[in-house]
C-alpha cells in the first residue's frame, strides 16, 4: 500500500512540521503570526499542510510583494 501524504495536520504535527516546540507554535497562532487551524468537525481542529509549507517558504508574508529574494 502506498504511503499516504497528509493534507491536514493536528496541532502537534503542525508544530513538528515547522520544526518548533508546541508552546511556541501556540504562541505564534495566538499572536496571529500563524493562521489558526480549521474546525473540520466538532472538537477537531486541523492545519492545512500545504499552507504550512507556504509559511515555511515565507510565501504568505503580507506587504512583501515588491521584495526580490
N, C-alpha and C. Protein backbone atom coordinates (compact mmCIF):
# COMPACT_ATOMS: atom_id res chain seq x y z
N UNK A 1 0.84 -1.17 0.00
CA UNK A 1 0.00 0.00 0.00
C UNK A 1 0.89 1.24 0.00
N UNK A 2 0.59 2.24 -0.85
CA UNK A 2 1.43 3.44 -0.90
C UNK A 2 1.30 4.26 0.37
N UNK A 3 2.37 4.96 0.69
CA UNK A 3 2.37 5.82 1.87
C UNK A 3 1.46 7.02 1.61
N UNK A 4 0.59 7.31 2.56
CA UNK A 4 -0.32 8.44 2.42
C UNK A 4 0.39 9.73 2.81
N UNK A 5 0.11 10.78 2.06
CA UNK A 5 0.63 12.11 2.37
C UNK A 5 -0.49 12.89 3.03
N UNK A 6 -0.30 13.32 4.28
CA UNK A 6 -1.38 14.03 4.96
C UNK A 6 -1.69 15.37 4.30
N UNK A 7 -2.96 15.73 4.29
CA UNK A 7 -3.37 17.02 3.77
C UNK A 7 -3.72 17.97 4.91
N UNK A 8 -3.97 17.41 6.09
CA UNK A 8 -4.27 18.19 7.28
C UNK A 8 -3.41 17.64 8.42
N UNK A 9 -3.05 18.53 9.37
CA UNK A 9 -2.20 18.13 10.48
C UNK A 9 -2.80 18.57 11.81
N UNK A 10 -2.66 17.74 12.81
CA UNK A 10 -3.06 18.11 14.17
C UNK A 10 -2.12 19.20 14.67
N UNK A 11 -2.47 19.82 15.79
CA UNK A 11 -1.63 20.88 16.34
C UNK A 11 -0.19 20.40 16.61
N UNK A 12 0.00 19.27 17.28
CA UNK A 12 1.38 18.81 17.49
C UNK A 12 2.12 18.50 16.19
N UNK A 13 1.41 17.94 15.23
CA UNK A 13 2.04 17.63 13.94
C UNK A 13 2.38 18.90 13.18
N UNK A 14 1.50 19.90 13.23
CA UNK A 14 1.76 21.17 12.56
C UNK A 14 3.00 21.84 13.14
N UNK A 15 3.11 21.83 14.45
CA UNK A 15 4.31 22.39 15.10
C UNK A 15 5.55 21.63 14.67
N UNK A 16 5.46 20.32 14.63
CA UNK A 16 6.60 19.50 14.23
C UNK A 16 6.98 19.75 12.78
N UNK A 17 6.00 19.94 11.91
CA UNK A 17 6.29 20.22 10.51
C UNK A 17 7.05 21.52 10.34
N UNK A 18 6.80 22.48 11.24
CA UNK A 18 7.53 23.75 11.21
C UNK A 18 8.76 23.72 12.11
N UNK A 19 9.06 22.54 12.67
CA UNK A 19 10.24 22.32 13.50
C UNK A 19 10.32 23.29 14.67
N UNK A 20 9.20 23.38 15.41
CA UNK A 20 9.18 24.26 16.58
C UNK A 20 8.43 23.58 17.72
N UNK A 21 8.76 23.96 18.93
CA UNK A 21 8.04 23.40 20.09
C UNK A 21 6.56 23.78 20.04
N UNK A 22 5.74 22.93 20.58
CA UNK A 22 4.30 23.14 20.56
C UNK A 22 3.90 24.45 21.22
N UNK A 23 4.54 24.80 22.34
CA UNK A 23 4.17 26.05 23.02
C UNK A 23 4.51 27.28 22.17
N UNK A 24 5.60 27.23 21.42
CA UNK A 24 5.96 28.34 20.53
C UNK A 24 4.95 28.43 19.39
N UNK A 25 4.57 27.27 18.84
CA UNK A 25 3.57 27.24 17.78
C UNK A 25 2.26 27.86 18.27
N UNK A 26 1.83 27.47 19.46
CA UNK A 26 0.58 28.01 20.02
C UNK A 26 0.68 29.52 20.21
N UNK A 27 1.82 30.00 20.71
CA UNK A 27 2.01 31.44 20.90
C UNK A 27 1.93 32.18 19.57
N UNK A 28 2.53 31.63 18.53
CA UNK A 28 2.51 32.27 17.21
C UNK A 28 1.11 32.28 16.61
N UNK A 29 0.35 31.22 16.84
CA UNK A 29 -1.04 31.19 16.37
C UNK A 29 -1.85 32.24 17.13
N UNK A 30 -1.66 32.30 18.44
CA UNK A 30 -2.40 33.27 19.26
C UNK A 30 -2.05 34.71 18.86
N UNK A 31 -0.79 34.95 18.49
CA UNK A 31 -0.35 36.28 18.10
C UNK A 31 -0.76 36.64 16.67
N UNK A 32 -1.26 35.65 15.92
CA UNK A 32 -1.69 35.89 14.55
C UNK A 32 -0.59 35.73 13.52
N UNK A 33 0.61 35.30 13.94
CA UNK A 33 1.71 35.09 13.01
C UNK A 33 1.52 33.83 12.17
N UNK A 34 0.80 32.88 12.73
CA UNK A 34 0.43 31.65 12.01
C UNK A 34 -1.09 31.57 12.05
N UNK A 35 -1.72 31.31 10.91
CA UNK A 35 -3.18 31.23 10.91
C UNK A 35 -3.69 30.11 11.82
N UNK A 36 -4.86 30.32 12.41
CA UNK A 36 -5.42 29.27 13.26
C UNK A 36 -5.83 28.05 12.43
N UNK A 37 -5.95 26.95 13.11
CA UNK A 37 -6.42 25.74 12.44
C UNK A 37 -7.89 25.86 12.06
N UNK A 38 -8.33 24.91 11.28
CA UNK A 38 -9.72 24.88 10.83
C UNK A 38 -10.48 23.83 11.64
N UNK A 39 -11.67 24.20 12.04
CA UNK A 39 -12.55 23.24 12.73
C UNK A 39 -13.22 22.39 11.67
N UNK A 40 -12.76 21.15 11.53
CA UNK A 40 -13.30 20.29 10.48
C UNK A 40 -14.42 19.38 10.99
N UNK A 41 -14.57 19.33 12.30
CA UNK A 41 -15.65 18.59 12.95
C UNK A 41 -15.70 19.08 14.40
N UNK A 42 -16.79 18.84 15.10
CA UNK A 42 -16.84 19.28 16.50
C UNK A 42 -15.64 18.77 17.30
N UNK A 43 -14.90 19.69 17.86
CA UNK A 43 -13.74 19.33 18.68
C UNK A 43 -12.52 18.88 17.91
N UNK A 44 -12.53 19.03 16.58
CA UNK A 44 -11.43 18.55 15.75
C UNK A 44 -10.88 19.71 14.92
N UNK A 45 -9.68 20.16 15.28
CA UNK A 45 -9.02 21.28 14.60
C UNK A 45 -7.80 20.74 13.88
N UNK A 46 -7.64 21.15 12.63
CA UNK A 46 -6.50 20.71 11.83
C UNK A 46 -5.96 21.88 11.01
N UNK A 47 -4.65 21.80 10.72
CA UNK A 47 -3.97 22.79 9.90
C UNK A 47 -3.72 22.21 8.52
N UNK A 48 -3.91 23.03 7.50
CA UNK A 48 -3.68 22.64 6.11
C UNK A 48 -2.17 22.49 5.89
N UNK A 49 -1.72 21.33 5.48
CA UNK A 49 -0.30 21.06 5.31
C UNK A 49 0.29 21.92 4.20
N UNK A 50 -0.44 22.13 3.11
CA UNK A 50 0.08 22.99 2.04
C UNK A 50 0.29 24.42 2.53
N UNK A 51 -0.62 24.90 3.37
CA UNK A 51 -0.46 26.24 3.93
C UNK A 51 0.76 26.30 4.86
N UNK A 52 0.99 25.25 5.64
CA UNK A 52 2.18 25.20 6.49
C UNK A 52 3.45 25.22 5.66
N UNK A 53 3.43 24.55 4.52
CA UNK A 53 4.60 24.57 3.62
C UNK A 53 4.84 25.98 3.09
N UNK A 54 3.77 26.69 2.73
CA UNK A 54 3.91 28.07 2.25
C UNK A 54 4.46 28.97 3.35
N UNK A 55 4.02 28.75 4.58
CA UNK A 55 4.55 29.52 5.72
C UNK A 55 6.05 29.26 5.85
N UNK A 56 6.44 28.02 5.75
CA UNK A 56 7.85 27.65 5.86
C UNK A 56 8.71 28.24 4.76
N UNK A 57 8.11 28.48 3.59
CA UNK A 57 8.84 29.10 2.47
C UNK A 57 8.66 30.61 2.44
N UNK A 58 8.01 31.17 3.46
CA UNK A 58 7.75 32.61 3.57
C UNK A 58 6.96 33.13 2.38
N UNK A 59 6.07 32.32 1.85
CA UNK A 59 5.24 32.73 0.72
C UNK A 59 3.93 33.37 1.18
N UNK A 60 3.73 33.49 2.47
CA UNK A 60 2.47 34.03 2.97
C UNK A 60 2.64 35.38 3.63
N UNK A 61 3.80 36.02 3.44
CA UNK A 61 4.07 37.32 4.06
C UNK A 61 3.29 38.41 3.35
N UNK A 62 2.50 39.17 4.09
CA UNK A 62 1.77 40.30 3.52
C UNK A 62 2.69 41.51 3.43
N UNK A 63 2.49 42.29 2.39
CA UNK A 63 3.24 43.52 2.24
C UNK A 63 4.65 43.35 1.75
N UNK A 64 5.01 42.17 1.28
CA UNK A 64 6.38 41.92 0.81
C UNK A 64 6.42 41.61 -0.68
N UNK A 65 5.36 41.99 -1.42
CA UNK A 65 5.29 41.65 -2.84
C UNK A 65 6.39 42.28 -3.67
N UNK A 66 6.90 43.43 -3.23
CA UNK A 66 7.91 44.14 -4.01
C UNK A 66 9.35 43.70 -3.68
N UNK A 67 9.52 42.77 -2.74
CA UNK A 67 10.84 42.31 -2.35
C UNK A 67 11.28 41.17 -3.25
N UNK A 68 12.50 41.27 -3.75
CA UNK A 68 13.09 40.19 -4.54
C UNK A 68 14.09 39.47 -3.66
N UNK A 69 13.89 38.19 -3.48
CA UNK A 69 14.76 37.42 -2.60
C UNK A 69 15.91 36.85 -3.37
